[in-house]
Amino acid sequence: MASYTAEQLYGTGSIGENITTSKTFTFTNPSASAYFTIETVQDATGSFSGKQQTTNGTWVPSGNNMGPVQSLYFASVVVPPGASSVTLTPATTITGTNYRMKGTGAFSMVTS
């Protein structure tokens, strides 16, 4: 289990964590709606070619109002005010250095 602040997730974000079976990202948002994204690290040209498909699997938010978006290389959800979460269950094991976790807004996050 790891904790992340809004500052750690803002801008370029934080390097991910290894995910073998599933990972739940739990948000505490004291402010207005925000966004959370997992994004595959791109190559120097901005391409995902040859990169691990870090969001290939299921991406399940805790609420219907989170509007999930998902492709093979990124996944995003709305982080509503209060407590919420999203669980990623990958098709294959994901190495944490292959993706970044990013956020907008004032929320903090705990992974489990």
PDB file of N, CA and C in Angstrom:
ATOM      1  N   MET A   1       0.847  -1.164   0.000  1.00  0.00           N
ATOM      2  CA  MET A   1       0.000   0.000   0.000  1.00  0.00           C
ATOM      3  C   MET A   1       0.894   1.230   0.000  1.00  0.00           C
ATOM      4  N   ALA A   2       0.570   2.174  -0.898  1.00  0.00           N
ATOM      5  CA  ALA A   2       1.320   3.418  -0.985  1.00  0.00           C
ATOM      6  C   ALA A   2       0.345   4.588  -1.028  1.00  0.00           C
ATOM      7  N   SER A   3       0.832   5.750  -0.588  1.00  0.00           N
ATOM      8  CA  SER A   3       0.016   6.963  -0.582  1.00  0.00           C
ATOM      9  C   SER A   3       0.641   8.000  -1.496  1.00  0.00           C
ATOM     10  N   TYR A   4      -0.212   8.790  -2.143  1.00  0.00           N
ATOM     11  CA  TYR A   4       0.234   9.830  -3.060  1.00  0.00           C
ATOM     12  C   TYR A   4      -0.539  11.112  -2.782  1.00  0.00           C
ATOM     13  N   THR A   5       0.158  12.243  -2.842  1.00  0.00           N
ATOM     14  CA  THR A   5      -0.479  13.540  -2.664  1.00  0.00           C
ATOM     15  C   THR A   5      -0.860  14.105  -4.031  1.00  0.00           C
ATOM     16  N   ALA A   6      -1.674  15.141  -4.011  1.00  0.00           N
ATOM     17  CA  ALA A   6      -2.050  15.823  -5.250  1.00  0.00           C
ATOM     18  C   ALA A   6      -0.805  16.349  -5.968  1.00  0.00           C
ATOM     19  N   GLU A   7       0.152  16.846  -5.204  1.00  0.00           N
ATOM     20  CA  GLU A   7       1.381  17.381  -5.797  1.00  0.00           C
ATOM     21  C   GLU A   7       2.183  16.300  -6.514  1.00  0.00           C
ATOM     22  N   GLN A   8       2.208  15.096  -5.974  1.00  0.00           N
ATOM     23  CA  GLN A   8       2.951  13.999  -6.602  1.00  0.00           C
ATOM     24  C   GLN A   8       2.288  13.533  -7.899  1.00  0.00           C
ATOM     25  N   LEU A   9       0.988  13.688  -8.007  1.00  0.00           N
ATOM     26  CA  LEU A   9       0.260  13.220  -9.185  1.00  0.00           C
ATOM     27  C   LEU A   9       0.131  14.285 -10.268  1.00  0.00           C
ATOM     28  N   TYR A  10       0.362  15.529  -9.921  1.00  0.00           N
ATOM     29  CA  TYR A  10       0.185  16.630 -10.858  1.00  0.00           C
ATOM     30  C   TYR A  10       1.311  16.676 -11.887  1.00  0.00           C
ATOM     31  N   GLY A  11       1.050  17.238 -13.049  1.00  0.00           N
ATOM     32  CA  GLY A  11       2.063  17.412 -14.095  1.00  0.00           C
ATOM     33  C   GLY A  11       2.487  16.085 -14.686  1.00  0.00           C
ATOM     34  N   THR A  12       3.768  15.747 -14.564  1.00  0.00           N
ATOM     35  CA  THR A  12       4.260  14.488 -15.128  1.00  0.00           C
ATOM     36  C   THR A  12       3.872  13.286 -14.280  1.00  0.00           C
ATOM     37  N   GLY A  13       3.377  13.527 -13.064  1.00  0.00           N
ATOM     38  CA  GLY A  13       2.873  12.446 -12.222  1.00  0.00           C
ATOM     39  C   GLY A  13       3.958  11.625 -11.565  1.00  0.00           C
ATOM     40  N   SER A  14       3.571  10.428 -11.145  1.00  0.00           N
ATOM     41  CA  SER A  14       4.466   9.497 -10.443  1.00  0.00           C
ATOM     42  C   SER A  14       4.587   8.196 -11.202  1.00  0.00           C
ATOM     43  N   ILE A  15       5.751   7.589 -11.133  1.00  0.00           N
ATOM     44  CA  ILE A  15       5.949   6.263 -11.725  1.00  0.00           C
ATOM     45  C   ILE A  15       4.981   5.301 -11.049  1.00  0.00           C
ATOM     46  N   GLY A  16       4.472   4.345 -11.812  1.00  0.00           N
ATOM     47  CA  GLY A  16       3.495   3.393 -11.296  1.00  0.00           C
ATOM     48  C   GLY A  16       4.081   2.352 -10.361  1.00  0.00           C
ATOM     49  N   GLU A  17       3.233   1.418 -10.003  1.00  0.00           N
ATOM     50  CA  GLU A  17       3.599   0.290  -9.149  1.00  0.00           C
ATOM     51  C   GLU A  17       3.365  -0.997  -9.930  1.00  0.00           C
ATOM     52  N   ASN A  18       4.110  -2.027  -9.611  1.00  0.00           N
ATOM     53  CA  ASN A  18       3.878  -3.317 -10.268  1.00  0.00           C
ATOM     54  C   ASN A  18       2.462  -3.799  -9.952  1.00  0.00           C
ATOM     55  N   ILE A  19       1.796  -4.343 -10.965  1.00  0.00           N
ATOM     56  CA  ILE A  19       0.446  -4.876 -10.783  1.00  0.00           C
ATOM     57  C   ILE A  19       0.439  -6.307 -11.307  1.00  0.00           C
ATOM     58  N   THR A  20       0.249  -7.259 -10.407  1.00  0.00           N
ATOM     59  CA  THR A  20       0.247  -8.666 -10.820  1.00  0.00           C
ATOM     60  C   THR A  20      -1.163  -9.203 -11.026  1.00  0.00           C
ATOM     61  N   THR A  21      -2.061  -8.939 -10.093  1.00  0.00           N
ATOM     62  CA  THR A  21      -3.440  -9.438 -10.245  1.00  0.00           C
ATOM     63  C   THR A  21      -4.432  -8.295 -10.356  1.00  0.00           C
ATOM     64  N   SER A  22      -4.410  -7.356  -9.438  1.00  0.00           N
ATOM     65  CA  SER A  22      -5.240  -6.156  -9.534  1.00  0.00           C
ATOM     66  C   SER A  22      -4.687  -5.096  -8.593  1.00  0.00           C
ATOM     67  N   LYS A  23      -5.076  -3.863  -8.856  1.00  0.00           N
ATOM     68  CA  LYS A  23      -4.656  -2.733  -8.020  1.00  0.00           C
ATOM     69  C   LYS A  23      -5.854  -1.813  -7.893  1.00  0.00           C
ATOM     70  N   THR A  24      -6.167  -1.442  -6.638  1.00  0.00           N
ATOM     71  CA  THR A  24      -7.248  -0.487  -6.388  1.00  0.00           C
ATOM     72  C   THR A  24      -6.631   0.850  -6.017  1.00  0.00           C
ATOM     73  N   PHE A  25      -7.106   1.893  -6.680  1.00  0.00           N
ATOM     74  CA  PHE A  25      -6.676   3.264  -6.452  1.00  0.00           C
ATOM     75  C   PHE A  25      -7.840   3.951  -5.726  1.00  0.00           C
ATOM     76  N   THR A  26      -7.645   4.319  -4.459  1.00  0.00           N
ATOM     77  CA  THR A  26      -8.701   4.915  -3.644  1.00  0.00           C
ATOM     78  C   THR A  26      -8.416   6.398  -3.468  1.00  0.00           C
ATOM     79  N   PHE A  27      -9.411   7.223  -3.802  1.00  0.00           N
ATOM     80  CA  PHE A  27      -9.252   8.672  -3.811  1.00  0.00           C
ATOM     81  C   PHE A  27     -10.004   9.324  -2.662  1.00  0.00           C
ATOM     82  N   THR A  28      -9.418  10.372  -2.113  1.00  0.00           N
ATOM     83  CA  THR A  28     -10.092  11.249  -1.164  1.00  0.00           C
ATOM     84  C   THR A  28      -9.988  12.646  -1.755  1.00  0.00           C
ATOM     85  N   ASN A  29     -11.138  13.170  -2.172  1.00  0.00           N
ATOM     86  CA  ASN A  29     -11.160  14.447  -2.870  1.00  0.00           C
ATOM     87  C   ASN A  29     -11.941  15.482  -2.066  1.00  0.00           C
ATOM     88  N   PRO A  30     -11.243  16.468  -1.452  1.00  0.00           N
ATOM     89  CA  PRO A  30     -11.915  17.480  -0.643  1.00  0.00           C
ATOM     90  C   PRO A  30     -12.478  18.643  -1.454  1.00  0.00           C
ATOM     91  N   SER A  31     -12.319  18.587  -2.760  1.00  0.00           N
ATOM     92  CA  SER A  31     -12.652  19.724  -3.609  1.00  0.00           C
ATOM     93  C   SER A  31     -13.614  19.309  -4.721  1.00  0.00           C
ATOM     94  N   ALA A  32     -13.638  20.094  -5.773  1.00  0.00           N
ATOM     95  CA  ALA A  32     -14.489  19.812  -6.932  1.00  0.00           C
ATOM     96  C   ALA A  32     -13.957  18.610  -7.703  1.00  0.00           C
ATOM     97  N   SER A  33     -14.728  18.149  -8.674  1.00  0.00           N
ATOM     98  CA  SER A  33     -14.320  17.001  -9.479  1.00  0.00           C
ATOM     99  C   SER A  33     -12.940  17.207 -10.080  1.00  0.00           C
ATOM    100  N   ALA A  34     -12.211  16.108 -10.215  1.00  0.00           N
ATOM    101  CA  ALA A  34     -10.859  16.105 -10.748  1.00  0.00           C
ATOM    102  C   ALA A  34     -10.742  14.895 -11.683  1.00  0.00           C
ATOM    103  N   TYR A  35      -9.536  14.624 -12.165  1.00  0.00           N
ATOM    104  CA  TYR A  35      -9.307  13.489 -13.058  1.00  0.00           C
ATOM    105  C   TYR A  35      -8.086  12.703 -12.611  1.00  0.00           C
ATOM    106  N   PHE A  36      -8.141  11.375 -12.803  1.00  0.00           N
ATOM    107  CA  PHE A  36      -7.004  10.492 -12.552  1.00  0.00           C
ATOM    108  C   PHE A  36      -6.754   9.705 -13.825  1.00  0.00           C
ATOM    109  N   THR A  37      -5.484   9.598 -14.206  1.00  0.00           N
ATOM    110  CA  THR A  37      -5.100   8.901 -15.429  1.00  0.00           C
ATOM    111  C   THR A  37      -3.899   8.008 -15.172  1.00  0.00           C
ATOM    112  N   ILE A  38      -3.930   6.838 -15.771  1.00  0.00           N
ATOM    113  CA  ILE A  38      -2.755   5.974 -15.868  1.00  0.00           C
ATOM    114  C   ILE A  38      -2.357   6.013 -17.335  1.00  0.00           C
ATOM    115  N   GLU A  39      -1.087   6.294 -17.598  1.00  0.00           N
ATOM    116  CA  GLU A  39      -0.640   6.429 -18.980  1.00  0.00           C
ATOM    117  C   GLU A  39       0.672   5.685 -19.201  1.00  0.00           C
ATOM    118  N   THR A  40       0.724   4.889 -20.253  1.00  0.00           N
ATOM    119  CA  THR A  40       1.955   4.197 -20.634  1.00  0.00           C
ATOM    120  C   THR A  40       3.039   5.225 -20.933  1.00  0.00           C
ATOM    121  N   VAL A  41       4.256   4.965 -20.494  1.00  0.00           N
ATOM    122  CA  VAL A  41       5.387   5.840 -20.797  1.00  0.00           C
ATOM    123  C   VAL A  41       5.681   5.718 -22.293  1.00  0.00           C
ATOM    124  N   GLN A  42       5.655   6.847 -22.976  1.00  0.00           N
ATOM    125  CA  GLN A  42       5.883   6.876 -24.419  1.00  0.00           C
ATOM    126  C   GLN A  42       7.372   6.925 -24.740  1.00  0.00           C
ATOM    127  N   ASP A  43       7.715   6.631 -26.000  1.00  0.00           N
ATOM    128  CA  ASP A  43       9.116   6.752 -26.407  1.00  0.00           C
ATOM    129  C   ASP A  43       9.435   8.217 -26.701  1.00  0.00           C
ATOM    130  N   ALA A  44      10.635   8.509 -27.151  1.00  0.00           N
ATOM    131  CA  ALA A  44      11.089   9.885 -27.369  1.00  0.00           C
ATOM    132  C   ALA A  44      10.258  10.630 -28.418  1.00  0.00           C
ATOM    133  N   THR A  45       9.593   9.901 -29.306  1.00  0.00           N
ATOM    134  CA  THR A  45       8.775  10.543 -30.340  1.00  0.00           C
ATOM    135  C   THR A  45       7.309  10.671 -29.927  1.00  0.00           C
ATOM    136  N   GLY A  46       6.979  10.202 -28.724  1.00  0.00           N
ATOM    137  CA  GLY A  46       5.596  10.266 -28.255  1.00  0.00           C
ATOM    138  C   GLY A  46       4.757   9.075 -28.673  1.00  0.00           C
ATOM    139  N   SER A  47       5.401   8.038 -29.171  1.00  0.00           N
ATOM    140  CA  SER A  47       4.698   6.855 -29.668  1.00  0.00           C
ATOM    141  C   SER A  47       4.585   5.778 -28.588  1.00  0.00           C
ATOM    142  N   PHE A  48       3.524   4.986 -28.682  1.00  0.00           N
ATOM    143  CA  PHE A  48       3.357   3.823 -27.813  1.00  0.00           C
ATOM    144  C   PHE A  48       3.850   2.545 -28.499  1.00  0.00           C
ATOM    145  N   SER A  49       4.346   2.655 -29.719  1.00  0.00           N
ATOM    146  CA  SER A  49       4.775   1.496 -30.495  1.00  0.00           C
ATOM    147  C   SER A  49       5.821   0.679 -29.729  1.00  0.00           C
ATOM    148  N   GLY A  50       5.553  -0.611 -29.573  1.00  0.00           N
ATOM    149  CA  GLY A  50       6.465  -1.506 -28.881  1.00  0.00           C
ATOM    150  C   GLY A  50       6.406  -1.417 -27.365  1.00  0.00           C
ATOM    151  N   LYS A  51       5.527  -0.587 -26.827  1.00  0.00           N
ATOM    152  CA  LYS A  51       5.415  -0.411 -25.383  1.00  0.00           C
ATOM    153  C   LYS A  51       4.416  -1.399 -24.792  1.00  0.00           C
ATOM    154  N   GLN A  52       4.564  -1.696 -23.505  1.00  0.00           N
ATOM    155  CA  GLN A  52       3.638  -2.589 -22.814  1.00  0.00           C
ATOM    156  C   GLN A  52       2.250  -1.948 -22.779  1.00  0.00           C
ATOM    157  N   GLN A  53       1.231  -2.744 -23.021  1.00  0.00           N
ATOM    158  CA  GLN A  53      -0.157  -2.279 -22.969  1.00  0.00           C
ATOM    159  C   GLN A  53      -0.596  -2.255 -21.507  1.00  0.00           C
ATOM    160  N   THR A  54      -0.293  -1.155 -20.823  1.00  0.00           N
ATOM    161  CA  THR A  54      -0.440  -1.102 -19.377  1.00  0.00           C
ATOM    162  C   THR A  54      -1.873  -1.036 -18.870  1.00  0.00           C
ATOM    163  N   THR A  55      -2.819  -0.766 -19.724  1.00  0.00           N
ATOM    164  CA  THR A  55      -4.208  -0.726 -19.251  1.00  0.00           C
ATOM    165  C   THR A  55      -5.086  -1.727 -20.002  1.00  0.00           C
ATOM    166  N   ASN A  56      -4.470  -2.754 -20.549  1.00  0.00           N
ATOM    167  CA  ASN A  56      -5.204  -3.834 -21.195  1.00  0.00           C
ATOM    168  C   ASN A  56      -5.749  -4.739 -20.093  1.00  0.00           C
ATOM    169  N   GLY A  57      -7.043  -4.704 -19.884  1.00  0.00           N
ATOM    170  CA  GLY A  57      -7.685  -5.459 -18.822  1.00  0.00           C
ATOM    171  C   GLY A  57      -8.972  -4.757 -18.439  1.00  0.00           C
ATOM    172  N   THR A  58      -9.404  -4.928 -17.194  1.00  0.00           N
ATOM    173  CA  THR A  58     -10.628  -4.259 -16.757  1.00  0.00           C
ATOM    174  C   THR A  58     -10.300  -3.057 -15.890  1.00  0.00           C
ATOM    175  N   TRP A  59     -11.095  -2.016 -16.025  1.00  0.00           N
ATOM    176  CA  TRP A  59     -10.923  -0.738 -15.344  1.00  0.00           C
ATOM    177  C   TRP A  59     -12.283  -0.397 -14.763  1.00  0.00           C
ATOM    178  N   VAL A  60     -12.489  -0.690 -13.475  1.00  0.00           N
ATOM    179  CA  VAL A  60     -13.822  -0.618 -12.876  1.00  0.00           C
ATOM    180  C   VAL A  60     -13.878   0.455 -11.788  1.00  0.00           C
ATOM    181  N   PRO A  61     -14.621   1.556 -12.054  1.00  0.00           N
ATOM    182  CA  PRO A  61     -14.774   2.596 -11.045  1.00  0.00           C
ATOM    183  C   PRO A  61     -15.835   2.223 -10.021  1.00  0.00           C
ATOM    184  N   SER A  62     -15.782   2.872  -8.851  1.00  0.00           N
ATOM    185  CA  SER A  62     -16.735   2.584  -7.782  1.00  0.00           C
ATOM    186  C   SER A  62     -18.090   3.251  -8.000  1.00  0.00           C
ATOM    187  N   GLY A  63     -18.151   4.234  -8.880  1.00  0.00           N
ATOM    188  CA  GLY A  63     -19.415   4.929  -9.099  1.00  0.00           C
ATOM    189  C   GLY A  63     -19.710   5.142 -10.570  1.00  0.00           C
ATOM    190  N   ASN A  64     -20.993   5.212 -10.906  1.00  0.00           N
ATOM    191  CA  ASN A  64     -21.414   5.427 -12.295  1.00  0.00           C
ATOM    192  C   ASN A  64     -21.070   6.828 -12.796  1.00  0.00           C
ATOM    193  N   ASN A  65     -20.871   7.756 -11.883  1.00  0.00           N
ATOM    194  CA  ASN A  65     -20.591   9.139 -12.270  1.00  0.00           C
ATOM    195  C   ASN A  65     -19.118   9.397 -12.584  1.00  0.00           C
ATOM    196  N   MET A  66     -18.318   8.344 -12.653  1.00  0.00           N
ATOM    197  CA  MET A  66     -16.880   8.512 -12.865  1.00  0.00           C
ATOM    198  C   MET A  66     -16.480   8.416 -14.330  1.00  0.00           C
ATOM    199  N   GLY A  67     -17.418   8.063 -15.190  1.00  0.00           N
ATOM    200  CA  GLY A  67     -17.204   8.089 -16.632  1.00  0.00           C
ATOM    201  C   GLY A  67     -15.887   7.528 -17.106  1.00  0.00           C
ATOM    202  N   PRO A  68     -15.602   6.260 -16.909  1.00  0.00           N
ATOM    203  CA  PRO A  68     -14.281   5.741 -17.270  1.00  0.00           C
ATOM    204  C   PRO A  68     -14.008   5.803 -18.775  1.00  0.00           C
ATOM    205  N   VAL A  69     -12.746   6.058 -19.109  1.00  0.00           N
ATOM    206  CA  VAL A  69     -12.246   6.028 -20.474  1.00  0.00           C
ATOM    207  C   VAL A  69     -11.060   5.078 -20.450  1.00  0.00           C
ATOM    208  N   GLN A  70     -10.960   4.193 -21.449  1.00  0.00           N
ATOM    209  CA  GLN A  70      -9.871   3.219 -21.437  1.00  0.00           C
ATOM    210  C   GLN A  70      -9.452   2.847 -22.845  1.00  0.00           C
ATOM    211  N   SER A  71      -8.149   2.719 -23.042  1.00  0.00           N
ATOM    212  CA  SER A  71      -7.577   2.147 -24.260  1.00  0.00           C
ATOM    213  C   SER A  71      -6.517   1.147 -23.804  1.00  0.00           C
ATOM    214  N   LEU A  72      -5.703   0.671 -24.698  1.00  0.00           N
ATOM    215  CA  LEU A  72      -4.644  -0.267 -24.314  1.00  0.00           C
ATOM    216  C   LEU A  72      -3.481   0.428 -23.610  1.00  0.00           C
ATOM    217  N   TYR A  73      -3.373   1.759 -23.787  1.00  0.00           N
ATOM    218  CA  TYR A  73      -2.211   2.489 -23.288  1.00  0.00           C
ATOM    219  C   TYR A  73      -2.517   3.559 -22.244  1.00  0.00           C
ATOM    220  N   PHE A  74      -3.791   3.873 -22.017  1.00  0.00           N
ATOM    221  CA  PHE A  74      -4.140   4.818 -20.955  1.00  0.00           C
ATOM    222  C   PHE A  74      -5.555   4.539 -20.479  1.00  0.00           C
ATOM    223  N   ALA A  75      -5.833   4.979 -19.269  1.00  0.00           N
ATOM    224  CA  ALA A  75      -7.173   4.865 -18.702  1.00  0.00           C
ATOM    225  C   ALA A  75      -7.370   6.054 -17.768  1.00  0.00           C
ATOM    226  N   SER A  76      -8.590   6.615 -17.769  1.00  0.00           N
ATOM    227  CA  SER A  76      -8.897   7.777 -16.945  1.00  0.00           C
ATOM    228  C   SER A  76     -10.271   7.648 -16.320  1.00  0.00           C
ATOM    229  N   VAL A  77     -10.432   8.307 -15.172  1.00  0.00           N
ATOM    230  CA  VAL A  77     -11.734   8.420 -14.526  1.00  0.00           C
ATOM    231  C   VAL A  77     -11.875   9.825 -13.954  1.00  0.00           C
ATOM    232  N   VAL A  78     -13.134  10.248 -13.802  1.00  0.00           N
ATOM    233  CA  VAL A  78     -13.438  11.457 -13.045  1.00  0.00           C
ATOM    234  C   VAL A  78     -13.322  11.084 -11.569  1.00  0.00           C
ATOM    235  N   VAL A  79     -12.714  11.953 -10.787  1.00  0.00           N
ATOM    236  CA  VAL A  79     -12.627  11.752  -9.339  1.00  0.00           C
ATOM    237  C   VAL A  79     -13.609  12.744  -8.703  1.00  0.00           C
ATOM    238  N   PRO A  80     -14.787  12.253  -8.293  1.00  0.00           N
ATOM    239  CA  PRO A  80     -15.790  13.161  -7.722  1.00  0.00           C
ATOM    240  C   PRO A  80     -15.409  13.586  -6.308  1.00  0.00           C
ATOM    241  N   PRO A  81     -16.058  14.628  -5.788  1.00  0.00           N
ATOM    242  CA  PRO A  81     -15.802  15.014  -4.401  1.00  0.00           C
ATOM    243  C   PRO A  81     -16.099  13.848  -3.454  1.00  0.00           C
ATOM    244  N   GLY A  82     -15.320  13.756  -2.368  1.00  0.00           N
ATOM    245  CA  GLY A  82     -15.516  12.694  -1.385  1.00  0.00           C
ATOM    246  C   GLY A  82     -14.622  11.502  -1.662  1.00  0.00           C
ATOM    247  N   ALA A  83     -15.083  10.327  -1.247  1.00  0.00           N
ATOM    248  CA  ALA A  83     -14.308   9.090  -1.409  1.00  0.00           C
ATOM    249  C   ALA A  83     -14.803   8.304  -2.618  1.00  0.00           C
ATOM    250  N   SER A  84     -13.867   7.754  -3.391  1.00  0.00           N
ATOM    251  CA  SER A  84     -14.187   6.919  -4.544  1.00  0.00           C
ATOM    252  C   SER A  84     -12.967   6.062  -4.856  1.00  0.00           C
ATOM    253  N   SER A  85     -13.119   5.143  -5.796  1.00  0.00           N
ATOM    254  CA  SER A  85     -11.990   4.287  -6.169  1.00  0.00           C
ATOM    255  C   SER A  85     -12.188   3.748  -7.576  1.00  0.00           C
ATOM    256  N   VAL A  86     -11.120   3.192  -8.105  1.00  0.00           N
ATOM    257  CA  VAL A  86     -11.153   2.472  -9.375  1.00  0.00           C
ATOM    258  C   VAL A  86     -10.181   1.305  -9.243  1.00  0.00           C
ATOM    259  N   THR A  87     -10.557   0.157  -9.807  1.00  0.00           N
ATOM    260  CA  THR A  87      -9.709  -1.037  -9.745  1.00  0.00           C
ATOM    261  C   THR A  87      -9.291  -1.443 -11.144  1.00  0.00           C
ATOM    262  N   LEU A  88      -7.998  -1.631 -11.325  1.00  0.00           N
ATOM    263  CA  LEU A  88      -7.440  -2.118 -12.584  1.00  0.00           C
ATOM    264  C   LEU A  88      -7.028  -3.571 -12.398  1.00  0.00           C
ATOM    265  N   THR A  89      -7.596  -4.449 -13.205  1.00  0.00           N
ATOM    266  CA  THR A  89      -7.191  -5.853 -13.241  1.00  0.00           C
ATOM    267  C   THR A  89      -6.589  -6.083 -14.625  1.00  0.00           C
ATOM    268  N   PRO A  90      -5.268  -6.177 -14.716  1.00  0.00           N
ATOM    269  CA  PRO A  90      -4.611  -6.255 -16.018  1.00  0.00           C
ATOM    270  C   PRO A  90      -4.726  -7.633 -16.664  1.00  0.00           C
ATOM    271  N   ALA A  91      -4.618  -7.636 -17.990  1.00  0.00           N
ATOM    272  CA  ALA A  91      -4.622  -8.890 -18.734  1.00  0.00           C
ATOM    273  C   ALA A  91      -3.335  -9.671 -18.466  1.00  0.00           C
ATOM    274  N   THR A  92      -2.232  -8.960 -18.235  1.00  0.00           N
ATOM    275  CA  THR A  92      -0.939  -9.557 -17.888  1.00  0.00           C
ATOM    276  C   THR A  92      -0.287  -8.691 -16.824  1.00  0.00           C
ATOM    277  N   THR A  93       0.730  -9.197 -16.161  1.00  0.00           N
ATOM    278  CA  THR A  93       1.445  -8.430 -15.146  1.00  0.00           C
ATOM    279  C   THR A  93       2.003  -7.143 -15.751  1.00  0.00           C
ATOM    280  N   ILE A  94       1.853  -6.040 -15.018  1.00  0.00           N
ATOM    281  CA  ILE A  94       2.338  -4.736 -15.474  1.00  0.00           C
ATOM    282  C   ILE A  94       3.517  -4.324 -14.609  1.00  0.00           C
ATOM    283  N   THR A  95       4.595  -3.924 -15.242  1.00  0.00           N
ATOM    284  CA  THR A  95       5.759  -3.410 -14.538  1.00  0.00           C
ATOM    285  C   THR A  95       5.544  -1.919 -14.287  1.00  0.00           C
ATOM    286  N   GLY A  96       5.706  -1.495 -13.039  1.00  0.00           N
ATOM    287  CA  GLY A  96       5.425  -0.124 -12.651  1.00  0.00           C
ATOM    288  C   GLY A  96       6.176   0.941 -13.424  1.00  0.00           C
ATOM    289  N   THR A  97       7.389   0.658 -13.857  1.00  0.00           N
ATOM    290  CA  THR A  97       8.171   1.662 -14.590  1.00  0.00           C
ATOM    291  C   THR A  97       7.642   1.885 -16.007  1.00  0.00           C
ATOM    292  N   ASN A  98       6.674   1.101 -16.428  1.00  0.00           N
ATOM    293  CA  ASN A  98       6.110   1.250 -17.774  1.00  0.00           C
ATOM    294  C   ASN A  98       4.945   2.226 -17.848  1.00  0.00           C
ATOM    295  N   TYR A  99       4.488   2.742 -16.702  1.00  0.00           N
ATOM    296  CA  TYR A  99       3.378   3.706 -16.735  1.00  0.00           C
ATOM    297  C   TYR A  99       3.544   4.768 -15.660  1.00  0.00           C
ATOM    298  N   ARG A 100       2.823   5.861 -15.843  1.00  0.00           N
ATOM    299  CA  ARG A 100       2.801   6.953 -14.871  1.00  0.00           C
ATOM    300  C   ARG A 100       1.375   7.164 -14.401  1.00  0.00           C
ATOM    301  N   MET A 101       1.220   7.571 -13.138  1.00  0.00           N
ATOM    302  CA  MET A 101      -0.080   7.910 -12.564  1.00  0.00           C
ATOM    303  C   MET A 101      -0.142   9.430 -12.486  1.00  0.00           C
ATOM    304  N   LYS A 102      -1.220  10.014 -13.026  1.00  0.00           N
ATOM    305  CA  LYS A 102      -1.342  11.462 -13.078  1.00  0.00           C
ATOM    306  C   LYS A 102      -2.703  11.902 -12.555  1.00  0.00           C
ATOM    307  N   GLY A 103      -2.747  13.112 -12.025  1.00  0.00           N
ATOM    308  CA  GLY A 103      -4.011  13.627 -11.527  1.00  0.00           C
ATOM    309  C   GLY A 103      -4.098  15.131 -11.642  1.00  0.00           C
ATOM    310  N   THR A 104      -5.332  15.610 -11.707  1.00  0.00           N
ATOM    311  CA  THR A 104      -5.604  17.039 -11.610  1.00  0.00           C
ATOM    312  C   THR A 104      -6.445  17.243 -10.360  1.00  0.00           C
ATOM    313  N   GLY A 105      -6.442  18.436  -9.815  1.00  0.00           N
ATOM    314  CA  GLY A 105      -7.272  18.701  -8.648  1.00  0.00           C
ATOM    315  C   GLY A 105      -6.533  18.453  -7.347  1.00  0.00           C
ATOM    316  N   ALA A 106      -7.304  18.427  -6.261  1.00  0.00           N
ATOM    317  CA  ALA A 106      -6.726  18.401  -4.910  1.00  0.00           C
ATOM    318  C   ALA A 106      -6.808  17.047  -4.227  1.00  0.00           C
ATOM    319  N   PHE A 107      -7.093  15.985  -4.933  1.00  0.00           N
ATOM    320  CA  PHE A 107      -7.292  14.683  -4.274  1.00  0.00           C
ATOM    321  C   PHE A 107      -5.976  14.010  -3.892  1.00  0.00           C
ATOM    322  N   SER A 108      -6.049  13.184  -2.858  1.00  0.00           N
ATOM    323  CA  SER A 108      -4.951  12.296  -2.487  1.00  0.00           C
ATOM    324  C   SER A 108      -5.378  10.877  -2.855  1.00  0.00           C
ATOM    325  N   MET A 109      -4.417   9.963  -2.895  1.00  0.00           N
ATOM    326  CA  MET A 109      -4.716   8.613  -3.352  1.00  0.00           C
ATOM    327  C   MET A 109      -3.923   7.588  -2.549  1.00  0.00           C
ATOM    328  N   VAL A 110      -4.541   6.457  -2.294  1.00  0.00           N
ATOM    329  CA  VAL A 110      -3.899   5.315  -1.655  1.00  0.00           C
ATOM    330  C   VAL A 110      -4.100   4.133  -2.595  1.00  0.00           C
ATOM    331  N   THR A 111      -3.060   3.320  -2.761  1.00  0.00           N
ATOM    332  CA  THR A 111      -3.176   2.121  -3.585  1.00  0.00           C
ATOM    333  C   THR A 111      -3.188   0.878  -2.697  1.00  0.00           C
ATOM    334  N   SER A 112      -3.891  -0.132  -3.152  1.00  0.00           N
ATOM    335  CA  SER A 112      -3.910  -1.404  -2.410  1.00  0.00           C
ATOM    336  C   SER A 112      -4.149  -2.550  -3.377  1.00  0.00           C
TER     337      SER A 112
END
